[in-house]
Amino acid sequence: MVPALREAERVLVTLDGTRGFGSSFLEEAFGGLVRGGFSGEYLDDRLSIQGKDSGYVNEANQYVRDAVARSAGDST
């Protein structure tokens, strides 16, 4: 996902086709993008998360928002 976010204009992640996702996976995969150097604004412009189970989509988006909020708190 990271190389695609650096190279593509827009990245669509579809959270379908599995029996589920652990919260630790979603936090690392999506919150980790912010810790890896992507800003919230950059991710808002380039990353779309979709799936049949809106709970996973909401959780992934929340991890991004949480990581952005934590990084904003770290810089003050």
N, C-alpha and C. Protein backbone atom coordinates (compact mmCIF):
# COMPACT_ATOMS: atom_id res chain seq x y z
N MET A 1 0.83 -1.19 0.00
CA MET A 1 0.00 0.00 0.00
C MET A 1 0.87 1.26 0.00
N VAL A 2 1.98 1.24 0.72
CA VAL A 2 2.83 2.43 0.80
C VAL A 2 3.38 2.81 -0.57
N PRO A 3 3.96 1.89 -1.35
CA PRO A 3 4.43 2.29 -2.67
C PRO A 3 3.31 2.85 -3.55
N ALA A 4 2.14 2.26 -3.47
CA ALA A 4 1.01 2.76 -4.26
C ALA A 4 0.63 4.17 -3.83
N LEU A 5 0.64 4.44 -2.53
CA LEU A 5 0.31 5.79 -2.06
C LEU A 5 1.34 6.82 -2.50
N ARG A 6 2.56 6.40 -2.65
CA ARG A 6 3.60 7.33 -3.11
C ARG A 6 3.52 7.58 -4.60
N GLU A 7 3.05 6.60 -5.35
CA GLU A 7 3.09 6.69 -6.81
C GLU A 7 1.76 7.02 -7.47
N ALA A 8 0.67 6.52 -6.94
CA ALA A 8 -0.63 6.68 -7.59
C ALA A 8 -1.31 7.96 -7.15
N GLU A 9 -2.19 8.42 -8.00
CA GLU A 9 -2.97 9.60 -7.65
C GLU A 9 -4.02 9.27 -6.59
N ARG A 10 -4.55 8.04 -6.67
CA ARG A 10 -5.59 7.61 -5.73
C ARG A 10 -5.44 6.12 -5.50
N VAL A 11 -5.61 5.69 -4.24
CA VAL A 11 -5.51 4.28 -3.89
C VAL A 11 -6.82 3.86 -3.23
N LEU A 12 -7.39 2.78 -3.73
CA LEU A 12 -8.61 2.22 -3.18
C LEU A 12 -8.27 0.91 -2.51
N VAL A 13 -8.58 0.81 -1.21
CA VAL A 13 -8.39 -0.42 -0.47
C VAL A 13 -9.78 -1.00 -0.19
N THR A 14 -10.00 -2.22 -0.64
CA THR A 14 -11.27 -2.89 -0.43
C THR A 14 -11.09 -3.98 0.62
N LEU A 15 -11.81 -3.83 1.72
CA LEU A 15 -11.69 -4.76 2.84
C LEU A 15 -12.73 -5.87 2.73
N ASP A 16 -12.64 -6.66 1.67
CA ASP A 16 -13.55 -7.78 1.45
C ASP A 16 -12.73 -9.02 1.14
N GLY A 17 -13.37 -10.16 1.23
CA GLY A 17 -12.75 -11.41 0.81
C GLY A 17 -12.02 -12.16 1.92
N THR A 18 -12.21 -11.75 3.16
CA THR A 18 -11.62 -12.47 4.29
C THR A 18 -12.72 -12.75 5.31
N ARG A 19 -12.40 -13.56 6.28
CA ARG A 19 -13.37 -13.83 7.36
C ARG A 19 -13.40 -12.69 8.37
N GLY A 20 -12.43 -11.82 8.33
CA GLY A 20 -12.40 -10.70 9.26
C GLY A 20 -11.01 -10.11 9.36
N PHE A 21 -10.91 -9.06 10.14
CA PHE A 21 -9.66 -8.37 10.36
C PHE A 21 -9.49 -8.14 11.86
N GLY A 22 -8.32 -8.42 12.36
CA GLY A 22 -8.03 -8.10 13.75
C GLY A 22 -7.79 -6.61 13.90
N SER A 23 -8.17 -6.07 15.04
CA SER A 23 -7.98 -4.64 15.26
C SER A 23 -6.50 -4.27 15.21
N SER A 24 -5.63 -5.17 15.65
CA SER A 24 -4.19 -4.86 15.60
C SER A 24 -3.71 -4.74 14.17
N PHE A 25 -4.24 -5.56 13.26
CA PHE A 25 -3.88 -5.45 11.84
C PHE A 25 -4.35 -4.12 11.28
N LEU A 26 -5.61 -3.78 11.52
CA LEU A 26 -6.15 -2.54 10.98
C LEU A 26 -5.41 -1.32 11.53
N GLU A 27 -5.09 -1.35 12.82
CA GLU A 27 -4.38 -0.21 13.41
C GLU A 27 -3.00 -0.06 12.79
N GLU A 28 -2.29 -1.15 12.66
CA GLU A 28 -0.94 -1.07 12.09
C GLU A 28 -0.98 -0.70 10.61
N ALA A 29 -1.91 -1.29 9.87
CA ALA A 29 -1.99 -1.03 8.43
C ALA A 29 -2.39 0.41 8.13
N PHE A 30 -3.34 0.94 8.88
CA PHE A 30 -3.86 2.27 8.55
C PHE A 30 -3.33 3.37 9.47
N GLY A 31 -3.31 3.15 10.76
CA GLY A 31 -2.67 4.12 11.66
C GLY A 31 -1.18 4.20 11.38
N GLY A 32 -0.60 3.07 10.99
CA GLY A 32 0.82 3.02 10.68
C GLY A 32 1.22 3.90 9.50
N LEU A 33 0.28 4.19 8.63
CA LEU A 33 0.59 5.08 7.50
C LEU A 33 0.97 6.47 8.01
N VAL A 34 0.28 6.92 9.03
CA VAL A 34 0.57 8.24 9.60
C VAL A 34 1.93 8.20 10.31
N ARG A 35 2.15 7.16 11.09
CA ARG A 35 3.45 7.03 11.77
C ARG A 35 4.59 6.87 10.78
N GLY A 36 4.26 6.36 9.59
CA GLY A 36 5.26 6.19 8.54
C GLY A 36 5.52 7.45 7.73
N GLY A 37 4.84 8.54 8.07
CA GLY A 37 5.16 9.81 7.44
C GLY A 37 4.08 10.43 6.56
N PHE A 38 2.97 9.74 6.35
CA PHE A 38 1.90 10.32 5.55
C PHE A 38 1.04 11.23 6.43
N SER A 39 0.72 12.40 5.93
CA SER A 39 -0.14 13.32 6.70
C SER A 39 -1.60 12.93 6.52
N GLY A 40 -2.41 13.39 7.44
CA GLY A 40 -3.84 13.15 7.32
C GLY A 40 -4.42 13.75 6.06
N GLU A 41 -3.97 14.93 5.71
CA GLU A 41 -4.45 15.60 4.50
C GLU A 41 -4.08 14.80 3.25
N TYR A 42 -2.85 14.32 3.21
CA TYR A 42 -2.39 13.51 2.08
C TYR A 42 -3.25 12.25 1.95
N LEU A 43 -3.50 11.58 3.07
CA LEU A 43 -4.32 10.37 3.04
C LEU A 43 -5.76 10.68 2.67
N ASP A 44 -6.30 11.79 3.15
CA ASP A 44 -7.66 12.18 2.76
C ASP A 44 -7.78 12.36 1.26
N ASP A 45 -6.72 12.91 0.64
CA ASP A 45 -6.73 13.16 -0.79
C ASP A 45 -6.52 11.90 -1.62
N ARG A 46 -5.79 10.93 -1.09
CA ARG A 46 -5.36 9.80 -1.92
C ARG A 46 -5.88 8.43 -1.53
N LEU A 47 -6.35 8.25 -0.32
CA LEU A 47 -6.73 6.92 0.15
C LEU A 47 -8.24 6.81 0.34
N SER A 48 -8.81 5.79 -0.25
CA SER A 48 -10.22 5.45 -0.03
C SER A 48 -10.27 4.02 0.49
N ILE A 49 -11.05 3.82 1.54
CA ILE A 49 -11.22 2.51 2.13
C ILE A 49 -12.69 2.14 1.98
N GLN A 50 -12.94 0.95 1.42
CA GLN A 50 -14.32 0.51 1.25
C GLN A 50 -14.44 -0.96 1.61
N GLY A 51 -15.65 -1.41 1.78
CA GLY A 51 -15.90 -2.82 2.06
C GLY A 51 -17.36 -3.04 2.38
N LYS A 52 -17.76 -4.30 2.29
CA LYS A 52 -19.15 -4.67 2.58
C LYS A 52 -19.48 -4.49 4.06
N ASP A 53 -18.49 -4.71 4.91
CA ASP A 53 -18.68 -4.56 6.36
C ASP A 53 -18.24 -3.15 6.76
N SER A 54 -19.21 -2.28 6.94
CA SER A 54 -18.87 -0.88 7.25
C SER A 54 -18.14 -0.75 8.58
N GLY A 55 -18.29 -1.73 9.47
CA GLY A 55 -17.58 -1.68 10.74
C GLY A 55 -16.07 -1.68 10.54
N TYR A 56 -15.56 -2.51 9.64
CA TYR A 56 -14.12 -2.54 9.37
C TYR A 56 -13.67 -1.25 8.69
N VAL A 57 -14.47 -0.75 7.79
CA VAL A 57 -14.14 0.50 7.10
C VAL A 57 -14.07 1.64 8.12
N ASN A 58 -15.06 1.73 8.98
CA ASN A 58 -15.08 2.78 10.00
C ASN A 58 -13.90 2.64 10.95
N GLU A 59 -13.60 1.40 11.33
CA GLU A 59 -12.49 1.17 12.24
C GLU A 59 -11.16 1.59 11.61
N ALA A 60 -10.94 1.23 10.35
CA ALA A 60 -9.71 1.61 9.66
C ALA A 60 -9.59 3.13 9.57
N ASN A 61 -10.68 3.79 9.20
CA ASN A 61 -10.65 5.25 9.12
C ASN A 61 -10.41 5.89 10.48
N GLN A 62 -10.97 5.31 11.52
CA GLN A 62 -10.77 5.83 12.87
C GLN A 62 -9.31 5.71 13.29
N TYR A 63 -8.65 4.61 12.93
CA TYR A 63 -7.24 4.46 13.26
C TYR A 63 -6.40 5.53 12.57
N VAL A 64 -6.76 5.90 11.36
CA VAL A 64 -6.05 7.00 10.68
C VAL A 64 -6.28 8.29 11.46
N ARG A 65 -7.53 8.59 11.80
CA ARG A 65 -7.83 9.82 12.54
C ARG A 65 -7.13 9.86 13.89
N ASP A 66 -7.12 8.74 14.58
CA ASP A 66 -6.46 8.67 15.89
C ASP A 66 -4.97 8.93 15.76
N ALA A 67 -4.35 8.33 14.75
CA ALA A 67 -2.91 8.51 14.55
C ALA A 67 -2.59 9.96 14.18
N VAL A 68 -3.45 10.58 13.39
CA VAL A 68 -3.25 11.99 13.03
C VAL A 68 -3.36 12.85 14.28
N ALA A 69 -4.34 12.58 15.12
CA ALA A 69 -4.51 13.36 16.35
C ALA A 69 -3.31 13.17 17.28
N ARG A 70 -2.82 11.96 17.39
CA ARG A 70 -1.64 11.72 18.24
C ARG A 70 -0.42 12.42 17.68
N SER A 71 -0.25 12.40 16.36
CA SER A 71 0.93 13.04 15.77
C SER A 71 0.85 14.55 15.93
N ALA A 72 -0.35 15.11 15.89
CA ALA A 72 -0.52 16.55 16.10
C ALA A 72 -0.17 16.91 17.53
N GLY A 73 -0.53 16.05 18.47
CA GLY A 73 -0.20 16.27 19.87
C GLY A 73 1.29 16.14 20.14
N ASP A 74 1.97 15.30 19.37
CA ASP A 74 3.41 15.12 19.55
C ASP A 74 4.21 16.30 19.08
N SER A 75 3.68 17.07 18.13
CA SER A 75 4.45 18.15 17.54
C SER A 75 4.32 19.47 18.30
N THR A 76 3.51 19.52 19.33
CA THR A 76 3.34 20.78 20.07
C THR A 76 4.23 20.84 21.28
